[in-house]
Structures are given as C-alpha cells and as structure tokens.
C-alpha cells in the first residue's frame, strides 16, 4: 500500500522492498552517526534489513519516498508478545528522515503508518528507544505524545 502525503509534494509512504536496501543502509548510517550506542556496519545492516523485509508477519519497514521513488526516510516496527498487555506489543526502531526533508511531516507520517500496521496486527502498545542525549529527538517524540517510561534500557552482546 502506498500513501501519498500531499498533492504538492509527491512523497509517498509504503513498505520497503529488497531493492531499497542500499538507500536504507545510507539512512541507517546517518542515524547511527547521531546515536552513541550504534555504529554503522553495512553487512549487519543489510542482513537486518533483509530479515525485516522478508518476514512481514512479524516486522515491517515503512519508507518515505521522493518523486523518483528514492527512500528518504524510514522506520521499522517489530512485534513481540507482552505479558503485561496479554497481547502483541511493538518495538519501533530506525526512525530517520534525510536531513533535506525534515520538518515536512514525514517522520509523523512514517510513525503513523507503522502504528497502523502494528495495530492491525493486534498490538495494544508501541514503544521505542530514544538517545537521551539527542535533545531534538527527545522533544520530537514528546511533541507527538510518546510518553516517557521509568524503564531503563540495558544491553548485552551474545
């Protein structure tokens, strides 16, 4: 499904395809340059993007495209089972809009499309991680109504 944002600006939002991977890797490199916890690693990003694209029952990547069809923004969503909710919950990740296209509502459109997908899949809650040192991102999610939790993210590499 493709959703056109407006008549003047021919930008659409739809699902990622395998041929989008090079552009999505570039977007992730820009995102990971901002986030302290992540470093670009092209082979790993390609693998992860392929896994999401090829498993649409449990995850999806929504992509904003310019008039030429080039991916200029993205967000991924993955389903998990929440014992607290007794239903699916969703993790949203990889939210990035190319710097040239920011401030045009693309991020909100991407998030809304991802949230519509997870809701259609039965999710009753969505959550995301935001780099606490990235003040613009923290403010952006607050502006959109995302609530801060009292949980702290932890990681371990296996």
N, C-alpha and C. Protein backbone atom coordinates (compact mmCIF):
# COMPACT_ATOMS: atom_id res chain seq x y z
N UNK A 1 0.84 -1.18 0.00
CA UNK A 1 0.00 0.00 0.00
C UNK A 1 0.88 1.24 0.00
N UNK A 2 0.54 2.21 -0.82
CA UNK A 2 1.29 3.45 -0.91
C UNK A 2 0.37 4.60 -0.53
N UNK A 3 0.88 5.47 0.30
CA UNK A 3 0.09 6.61 0.73
C UNK A 3 0.83 7.88 0.33
N UNK A 4 0.20 8.72 -0.49
CA UNK A 4 0.78 9.98 -0.92
C UNK A 4 0.50 11.02 0.15
N UNK A 5 1.53 11.79 0.53
CA UNK A 5 1.37 12.74 1.63
C UNK A 5 0.58 13.98 1.24
N UNK A 6 0.83 14.53 0.07
CA UNK A 6 0.04 15.68 -0.39
C UNK A 6 0.20 15.85 -1.88
N UNK A 7 -0.61 16.72 -2.48
CA UNK A 7 -0.59 16.90 -3.92
C UNK A 7 0.64 17.68 -4.40
N UNK A 8 1.09 18.63 -3.60
CA UNK A 8 2.20 19.49 -4.00
C UNK A 8 3.52 18.74 -3.91
N UNK A 9 3.71 18.01 -2.85
CA UNK A 9 4.96 17.30 -2.62
C UNK A 9 4.73 15.82 -2.89
N UNK A 10 5.22 15.30 -4.02
CA UNK A 10 4.91 13.91 -4.39
C UNK A 10 5.72 12.89 -3.59
N UNK A 11 5.59 12.95 -2.28
CA UNK A 11 6.26 11.99 -1.41
C UNK A 11 5.24 10.95 -0.97
N UNK A 12 5.63 9.70 -1.03
CA UNK A 12 4.75 8.61 -0.64
C UNK A 12 5.37 7.84 0.51
N UNK A 13 4.52 7.11 1.24
CA UNK A 13 4.98 6.20 2.29
C UNK A 13 4.42 4.83 1.96
N UNK A 14 5.31 3.84 1.93
CA UNK A 14 4.88 2.48 1.68
C UNK A 14 5.90 1.51 2.28
N UNK A 15 5.74 0.24 2.02
CA UNK A 15 6.61 -0.79 2.59
C UNK A 15 7.93 -0.88 1.84
N UNK A 16 8.98 -1.18 2.57
CA UNK A 16 10.30 -1.34 1.98
C UNK A 16 10.33 -2.59 1.11
N UNK A 17 11.17 -2.52 0.08
CA UNK A 17 11.42 -3.64 -0.81
C UNK A 17 12.91 -3.95 -0.77
N UNK A 18 13.27 -5.14 -1.21
CA UNK A 18 14.68 -5.53 -1.19
C UNK A 18 15.56 -4.54 -1.95
N UNK A 19 15.06 -4.00 -3.03
CA UNK A 19 15.86 -3.06 -3.82
C UNK A 19 16.09 -1.72 -3.11
N UNK A 20 15.39 -1.48 -2.00
CA UNK A 20 15.60 -0.27 -1.20
C UNK A 20 16.81 -0.38 -0.27
N UNK A 21 17.34 -1.57 -0.11
CA UNK A 21 18.36 -1.79 0.92
C UNK A 21 19.55 -0.83 0.82
N UNK A 22 20.13 -0.57 -0.34
CA UNK A 22 21.25 0.39 -0.35
C UNK A 22 20.89 1.77 0.20
N UNK A 23 19.73 2.29 -0.15
CA UNK A 23 19.31 3.60 0.36
C UNK A 23 19.01 3.52 1.85
N UNK A 24 18.45 2.40 2.31
CA UNK A 24 18.15 2.24 3.73
C UNK A 24 19.44 2.14 4.54
N UNK A 25 20.46 1.48 4.00
CA UNK A 25 21.76 1.41 4.68
C UNK A 25 22.33 2.81 4.84
N UNK A 26 22.20 3.65 3.81
CA UNK A 26 22.67 5.04 3.91
C UNK A 26 21.91 5.80 4.99
N UNK A 27 20.59 5.60 5.07
CA UNK A 27 19.79 6.27 6.11
C UNK A 27 20.23 5.79 7.50
N UNK A 28 20.46 4.50 7.64
CA UNK A 28 20.91 3.97 8.93
C UNK A 28 22.27 4.53 9.32
N UNK A 29 23.16 4.71 8.35
CA UNK A 29 24.47 5.30 8.64
C UNK A 29 24.30 6.71 9.20
N UNK A 30 23.37 7.48 8.64
CA UNK A 30 23.10 8.83 9.15
C UNK A 30 22.52 8.76 10.57
N UNK A 31 21.64 7.81 10.81
CA UNK A 31 21.05 7.64 12.14
C UNK A 31 22.10 7.23 13.16
N UNK A 32 22.92 6.27 12.79
CA UNK A 32 23.92 5.76 13.73
C UNK A 32 25.03 6.77 13.99
N UNK A 33 25.18 7.74 13.12
CA UNK A 33 26.13 8.83 13.37
C UNK A 33 25.63 9.73 14.50
N UNK A 34 24.32 9.73 14.73
CA UNK A 34 23.71 10.54 15.79
C UNK A 34 23.66 9.77 17.10
N UNK A 35 23.38 8.47 17.03
CA UNK A 35 23.17 7.66 18.22
C UNK A 35 24.49 7.07 18.73
N UNK A 36 24.78 7.30 19.97
CA UNK A 36 26.04 6.87 20.58
C UNK A 36 26.15 5.35 20.67
N UNK A 37 25.05 4.65 20.87
CA UNK A 37 25.08 3.21 21.11
C UNK A 37 25.29 2.36 19.85
N UNK A 38 25.19 2.95 18.68
CA UNK A 38 25.27 2.17 17.46
C UNK A 38 26.33 2.70 16.53
N UNK A 39 26.93 1.80 15.78
CA UNK A 39 27.94 2.14 14.78
C UNK A 39 27.54 1.51 13.45
N UNK A 40 27.71 2.23 12.35
CA UNK A 40 27.40 1.63 11.05
C UNK A 40 28.24 0.38 10.80
N UNK A 41 27.59 -0.64 10.29
CA UNK A 41 28.24 -1.89 9.90
C UNK A 41 27.41 -2.44 8.75
N UNK A 42 27.80 -2.06 7.54
CA UNK A 42 26.98 -2.33 6.35
C UNK A 42 26.53 -3.79 6.23
N UNK A 43 27.42 -4.79 6.37
CA UNK A 43 26.94 -6.18 6.24
C UNK A 43 25.84 -6.52 7.27
N UNK A 44 25.99 -6.04 8.50
CA UNK A 44 24.97 -6.31 9.51
C UNK A 44 23.68 -5.57 9.20
N UNK A 45 23.77 -4.33 8.73
CA UNK A 45 22.57 -3.58 8.39
C UNK A 45 21.83 -4.26 7.23
N UNK A 46 22.58 -4.73 6.22
CA UNK A 46 21.95 -5.43 5.10
C UNK A 46 21.23 -6.68 5.59
N UNK A 47 21.87 -7.44 6.45
CA UNK A 47 21.27 -8.66 6.99
C UNK A 47 19.98 -8.35 7.76
N UNK A 48 20.04 -7.36 8.65
CA UNK A 48 18.86 -7.00 9.43
C UNK A 48 17.72 -6.47 8.57
N UNK A 49 18.05 -5.64 7.59
CA UNK A 49 17.01 -5.10 6.70
C UNK A 49 16.36 -6.22 5.90
N UNK A 50 17.17 -7.15 5.39
CA UNK A 50 16.62 -8.29 4.64
C UNK A 50 15.69 -9.12 5.52
N UNK A 51 16.11 -9.35 6.77
CA UNK A 51 15.28 -10.15 7.68
C UNK A 51 13.92 -9.49 7.90
N UNK A 52 13.91 -8.18 8.08
CA UNK A 52 12.65 -7.47 8.28
C UNK A 52 11.78 -7.52 7.03
N UNK A 53 12.37 -7.22 5.89
CA UNK A 53 11.60 -7.17 4.64
C UNK A 53 11.03 -8.54 4.29
N UNK A 54 11.79 -9.60 4.55
CA UNK A 54 11.35 -10.95 4.17
C UNK A 54 10.46 -11.63 5.21
N UNK A 55 10.18 -10.96 6.33
CA UNK A 55 9.32 -11.53 7.38
C UNK A 55 8.20 -10.55 7.74
N UNK A 56 7.31 -10.25 6.79
CA UNK A 56 6.29 -9.23 7.02
C UNK A 56 5.22 -9.59 8.05
N UNK A 57 5.21 -10.82 8.53
CA UNK A 57 4.24 -11.16 9.58
C UNK A 57 4.68 -10.66 10.95
N UNK A 58 5.99 -10.48 11.15
CA UNK A 58 6.48 -10.07 12.46
C UNK A 58 7.18 -8.72 12.47
N UNK A 59 7.46 -8.18 11.30
CA UNK A 59 8.13 -6.89 11.25
C UNK A 59 7.95 -6.23 9.91
N UNK A 60 8.14 -4.92 9.89
CA UNK A 60 7.95 -4.16 8.66
C UNK A 60 8.85 -2.93 8.69
N UNK A 61 9.21 -2.46 7.53
CA UNK A 61 9.90 -1.18 7.39
C UNK A 61 9.01 -0.30 6.53
N UNK A 62 8.63 0.83 7.07
CA UNK A 62 7.88 1.82 6.30
C UNK A 62 8.88 2.82 5.75
N UNK A 63 8.71 3.18 4.49
CA UNK A 63 9.67 4.03 3.79
C UNK A 63 8.95 5.23 3.19
N UNK A 64 9.52 6.41 3.39
CA UNK A 64 9.08 7.62 2.69
C UNK A 64 9.92 7.72 1.43
N UNK A 65 9.25 8.00 0.29
CA UNK A 65 9.95 8.06 -0.99
C UNK A 65 9.72 9.42 -1.66
N UNK A 66 10.77 9.92 -2.32
CA UNK A 66 10.63 11.16 -3.06
C UNK A 66 9.95 10.88 -4.40
N UNK A 67 9.83 11.90 -5.24
CA UNK A 67 9.14 11.77 -6.52
C UNK A 67 9.79 10.74 -7.43
N UNK A 68 11.09 10.48 -7.24
CA UNK A 68 11.79 9.49 -8.05
C UNK A 68 11.76 8.08 -7.45
N UNK A 69 11.08 7.92 -6.31
CA UNK A 69 10.99 6.62 -5.67
C UNK A 69 12.13 6.30 -4.73
N UNK A 70 13.06 7.25 -4.51
CA UNK A 70 14.20 7.02 -3.63
C UNK A 70 13.76 7.09 -2.17
N UNK A 71 14.24 6.16 -1.36
CA UNK A 71 13.93 6.16 0.07
C UNK A 71 14.62 7.35 0.73
N UNK A 72 13.81 8.22 1.36
CA UNK A 72 14.33 9.42 2.02
C UNK A 72 14.02 9.42 3.52
N UNK A 73 13.35 8.39 3.98
CA UNK A 73 13.03 8.25 5.40
C UNK A 73 12.56 6.83 5.66
N UNK A 74 12.69 6.43 6.93
CA UNK A 74 12.29 5.06 7.27
C UNK A 74 11.98 4.93 8.75
N UNK A 75 11.22 3.92 9.08
CA UNK A 75 11.02 3.47 10.45
C UNK A 75 10.71 1.98 10.38
N UNK A 76 11.22 1.22 11.34
CA UNK A 76 10.90 -0.20 11.39
C UNK A 76 10.03 -0.49 12.60
N UNK A 77 9.22 -1.54 12.49
CA UNK A 77 8.36 -1.97 13.58
C UNK A 77 8.43 -3.48 13.67
N UNK A 78 8.52 -3.99 14.90
CA UNK A 78 8.58 -5.43 15.11
C UNK A 78 7.64 -5.81 16.24
N UNK A 79 6.96 -6.92 16.08
CA UNK A 79 6.03 -7.40 17.09
C UNK A 79 6.73 -8.27 18.12
N UNK A 80 6.32 -8.12 19.36
CA UNK A 80 6.71 -9.00 20.45
C UNK A 80 5.43 -9.32 21.23
N UNK A 81 5.50 -10.29 22.10
CA UNK A 81 4.34 -10.61 22.95
C UNK A 81 4.57 -9.98 24.31
N UNK A 82 3.60 -9.22 24.75
CA UNK A 82 3.67 -8.55 26.05
C UNK A 82 2.83 -9.30 27.06
N UNK A 83 3.46 -9.83 28.10
CA UNK A 83 2.69 -10.47 29.17
C UNK A 83 1.93 -9.41 29.97
N UNK A 84 2.45 -8.19 30.03
CA UNK A 84 1.74 -7.11 30.73
C UNK A 84 0.45 -6.75 30.02
N UNK A 85 0.47 -6.78 28.69
CA UNK A 85 -0.71 -6.42 27.90
C UNK A 85 -1.58 -7.65 27.58
N UNK A 86 -0.99 -8.83 27.65
CA UNK A 86 -1.72 -10.02 27.22
C UNK A 86 -2.03 -9.96 25.73
N UNK A 87 -1.13 -9.35 24.99
CA UNK A 87 -1.33 -9.15 23.56
C UNK A 87 0.02 -8.82 22.94
N UNK A 88 0.01 -8.64 21.64
CA UNK A 88 1.22 -8.17 20.98
C UNK A 88 1.52 -6.73 21.41
N UNK A 89 2.79 -6.45 21.46
CA UNK A 89 3.31 -5.10 21.64
C UNK A 89 4.26 -4.89 20.48
N UNK A 90 4.67 -3.67 20.25
CA UNK A 90 5.57 -3.40 19.12
C UNK A 90 6.74 -2.55 19.55
N UNK A 91 7.88 -2.86 18.97
CA UNK A 91 9.08 -2.02 19.10
C UNK A 91 9.26 -1.27 17.80
N UNK A 92 9.38 0.04 17.87
CA UNK A 92 9.71 0.85 16.71
C UNK A 92 11.17 1.25 16.81
N UNK A 93 11.86 1.14 15.70
CA UNK A 93 13.29 1.46 15.65
C UNK A 93 13.61 2.12 14.32
N UNK A 94 14.85 2.54 14.20
CA UNK A 94 15.40 3.01 12.93
C UNK A 94 14.63 4.17 12.32
N UNK A 95 14.12 5.06 13.16
CA UNK A 95 13.37 6.21 12.69
C UNK A 95 14.35 7.29 12.23
N UNK A 96 14.32 7.58 10.94
CA UNK A 96 15.22 8.60 10.37
C UNK A 96 14.59 9.18 9.10
N UNK A 97 14.71 10.48 8.97
CA UNK A 97 14.32 11.18 7.75
C UNK A 97 15.57 11.92 7.27
N UNK A 98 15.86 11.82 5.98
CA UNK A 98 17.01 12.51 5.41
C UNK A 98 16.93 14.00 5.79
N UNK A 99 18.05 14.54 6.17
CA UNK A 99 18.11 15.92 6.68
C UNK A 99 17.43 16.92 5.75
N UNK A 100 17.56 16.75 4.47
CA UNK A 100 16.97 17.67 3.48
C UNK A 100 15.44 17.70 3.54
N UNK A 101 14.84 16.63 4.05
CA UNK A 101 13.39 16.51 4.03
C UNK A 101 12.74 16.67 5.41
N UNK A 102 13.51 17.02 6.41
CA UNK A 102 12.95 17.15 7.76
C UNK A 102 12.05 18.39 7.85
N UNK A 103 11.13 18.33 8.79
CA UNK A 103 10.23 19.46 9.02
C UNK A 103 9.04 19.51 8.07
N UNK A 104 8.82 18.43 7.33
CA UNK A 104 7.71 18.39 6.37
C UNK A 104 6.62 17.39 6.76
N UNK A 105 6.73 16.83 7.96
CA UNK A 105 5.72 15.88 8.40
C UNK A 105 6.00 14.43 8.03
N UNK A 106 7.17 14.17 7.45
CA UNK A 106 7.47 12.80 7.02
C UNK A 106 7.65 11.85 8.20
N UNK A 107 8.32 12.32 9.25
CA UNK A 107 8.52 11.47 10.42
C UNK A 107 7.19 11.05 11.03
N UNK A 108 6.30 12.02 11.17
CA UNK A 108 4.97 11.73 11.73
C UNK A 108 4.21 10.76 10.83
N UNK A 109 4.31 10.96 9.52
CA UNK A 109 3.63 10.06 8.59
C UNK A 109 4.19 8.64 8.67
N UNK A 110 5.52 8.52 8.76
CA UNK A 110 6.14 7.21 8.90
C UNK A 110 5.67 6.52 10.18
N UNK A 111 5.72 7.25 11.29
CA UNK A 111 5.28 6.67 12.56
C UNK A 111 3.82 6.26 12.51
N UNK A 112 2.97 7.09 11.93
CA UNK A 112 1.55 6.76 11.85
C UNK A 112 1.31 5.50 11.01
N UNK A 113 2.05 5.36 9.92
CA UNK A 113 1.91 4.16 9.09
C UNK A 113 2.38 2.92 9.84
N UNK A 114 3.49 3.04 10.56
CA UNK A 114 3.99 1.91 11.34
C UNK A 114 2.99 1.56 12.45
N UNK A 115 2.45 2.56 13.12
CA UNK A 115 1.48 2.31 14.19
C UNK A 115 0.20 1.69 13.64
N UNK A 116 -0.22 2.10 12.46
CA UNK A 116 -1.41 1.49 11.85
C UNK A 116 -1.15 0.01 11.57
N UNK A 117 0.06 -0.31 11.10
CA UNK A 117 0.40 -1.71 10.81
C UNK A 117 0.39 -2.54 12.09
N UNK A 118 1.03 -2.05 13.17
CA UNK A 118 1.09 -2.85 14.39
C UNK A 118 -0.29 -2.99 15.03
N UNK A 119 -1.09 -1.95 14.93
CA UNK A 119 -2.46 -2.03 15.46
C UNK A 119 -3.26 -3.07 14.68
N UNK A 120 -3.10 -3.09 13.37
CA UNK A 120 -3.79 -4.08 12.53
C UNK A 120 -3.34 -5.50 12.88
N UNK A 121 -2.11 -5.63 13.36
CA UNK A 121 -1.57 -6.93 13.77
C UNK A 121 -1.99 -7.31 15.19
N UNK A 122 -2.74 -6.45 15.88
CA UNK A 122 -3.23 -6.77 17.21
C UNK A 122 -2.44 -6.19 18.36
N UNK A 123 -1.45 -5.36 18.07
CA UNK A 123 -0.66 -4.76 19.14
C UNK A 123 -1.48 -3.73 19.90
N UNK A 124 -1.31 -3.71 21.22
CA UNK A 124 -2.03 -2.77 22.07
C UNK A 124 -1.12 -1.71 22.67
N UNK A 125 0.18 -1.83 22.40
CA UNK A 125 1.15 -0.84 22.89
C UNK A 125 2.32 -0.81 21.91
N UNK A 126 2.89 0.37 21.74
CA UNK A 126 4.12 0.51 20.96
C UNK A 126 5.12 1.25 21.82
N UNK A 127 6.36 0.91 21.63
CA UNK A 127 7.42 1.58 22.38
C UNK A 127 8.62 1.77 21.47
N UNK A 128 9.45 2.70 21.86
CA UNK A 128 10.67 2.96 21.11
C UNK A 128 11.74 3.43 22.07
N UNK A 129 12.97 3.37 21.62
CA UNK A 129 14.09 3.89 22.38
C UNK A 129 14.52 5.18 21.73
N UNK A 130 14.92 6.14 22.55
CA UNK A 130 15.43 7.41 22.03
C UNK A 130 16.72 7.72 22.77
N UNK A 131 17.73 8.14 22.03
CA UNK A 131 19.01 8.52 22.63
C UNK A 131 18.77 9.74 23.52
N UNK A 132 18.98 9.59 24.82
CA UNK A 132 18.65 10.67 25.76
C UNK A 132 19.52 11.91 25.57
N UNK A 133 20.62 11.76 24.84
CA UNK A 133 21.47 12.91 24.56
C UNK A 133 21.08 13.62 23.26
N UNK A 134 20.11 13.07 22.55
CA UNK A 134 19.63 13.66 21.30
C UNK A 134 18.38 14.49 21.63
N UNK A 135 18.61 15.71 22.11
CA UNK A 135 17.52 16.58 22.56
C UNK A 135 16.45 16.80 21.49
N UNK A 136 16.81 17.01 20.22
CA UNK A 136 15.75 17.18 19.22
C UNK A 136 14.84 15.96 19.11
N UNK A 137 15.41 14.76 19.17
CA UNK A 137 14.60 13.54 19.08
C UNK A 137 13.73 13.38 20.32
N UNK A 138 14.28 13.63 21.50
CA UNK A 138 13.50 13.54 22.74
C UNK A 138 12.31 14.50 22.66
N UNK A 139 12.57 15.72 22.25
CA UNK A 139 11.50 16.71 22.12
C UNK A 139 10.48 16.34 21.06
N UNK A 140 10.95 15.76 19.97
CA UNK A 140 10.06 15.37 18.88
C UNK A 140 9.05 14.32 19.34
N UNK A 141 9.55 13.28 19.99
CA UNK A 141 8.64 12.22 20.44
C UNK A 141 7.69 12.73 21.52
N UNK A 142 8.17 13.60 22.38
CA UNK A 142 7.30 14.19 23.39
C UNK A 142 6.19 15.00 22.72
N UNK A 143 6.57 15.78 21.72
CA UNK A 143 5.60 16.59 20.95
C UNK A 143 4.52 15.71 20.31
N UNK A 144 4.91 14.52 19.86
CA UNK A 144 3.96 13.61 19.21
C UNK A 144 3.13 12.78 20.20
N UNK A 145 3.38 12.96 21.50
CA UNK A 145 2.57 12.28 22.51
C UNK A 145 3.14 10.99 23.05
N UNK A 146 4.37 10.64 22.67
CA UNK A 146 5.00 9.45 23.22
C UNK A 146 5.35 9.74 24.68
N UNK A 147 4.95 8.84 25.56
CA UNK A 147 5.16 9.04 26.99
C UNK A 147 6.48 8.43 27.45
N UNK A 148 7.15 9.15 28.31
CA UNK A 148 8.38 8.66 28.92
C UNK A 148 8.02 7.56 29.92
N UNK A 149 8.84 6.52 29.97
CA UNK A 149 8.63 5.46 30.96
C UNK A 149 9.70 5.56 32.03
N UNK A 150 9.54 4.77 33.06
CA UNK A 150 10.54 4.71 34.12
C UNK A 150 11.48 3.53 33.94
N UNK A 151 11.37 2.88 32.81
CA UNK A 151 12.25 1.75 32.50
C UNK A 151 13.55 2.28 31.89
N UNK A 152 14.62 1.57 32.14
CA UNK A 152 15.91 1.93 31.57
C UNK A 152 16.36 0.79 30.67
N UNK A 153 16.80 1.12 29.48
CA UNK A 153 17.27 0.09 28.55
C UNK A 153 18.64 -0.41 28.98
N UNK A 154 18.85 -1.68 28.82
CA UNK A 154 20.15 -2.33 29.08
C UNK A 154 20.45 -3.21 27.88
N UNK A 155 21.72 -3.53 27.67
CA UNK A 155 22.08 -4.42 26.57
C UNK A 155 23.22 -5.33 26.98
N UNK A 156 23.30 -6.45 26.26
CA UNK A 156 24.42 -7.37 26.40
C UNK A 156 24.60 -8.02 25.02
N UNK A 157 25.82 -8.14 24.60
CA UNK A 157 26.09 -8.77 23.31
C UNK A 157 26.35 -10.26 23.52
N UNK A 158 25.76 -11.06 22.70
CA UNK A 158 25.90 -12.52 22.80
C UNK A 158 26.81 -13.06 21.72
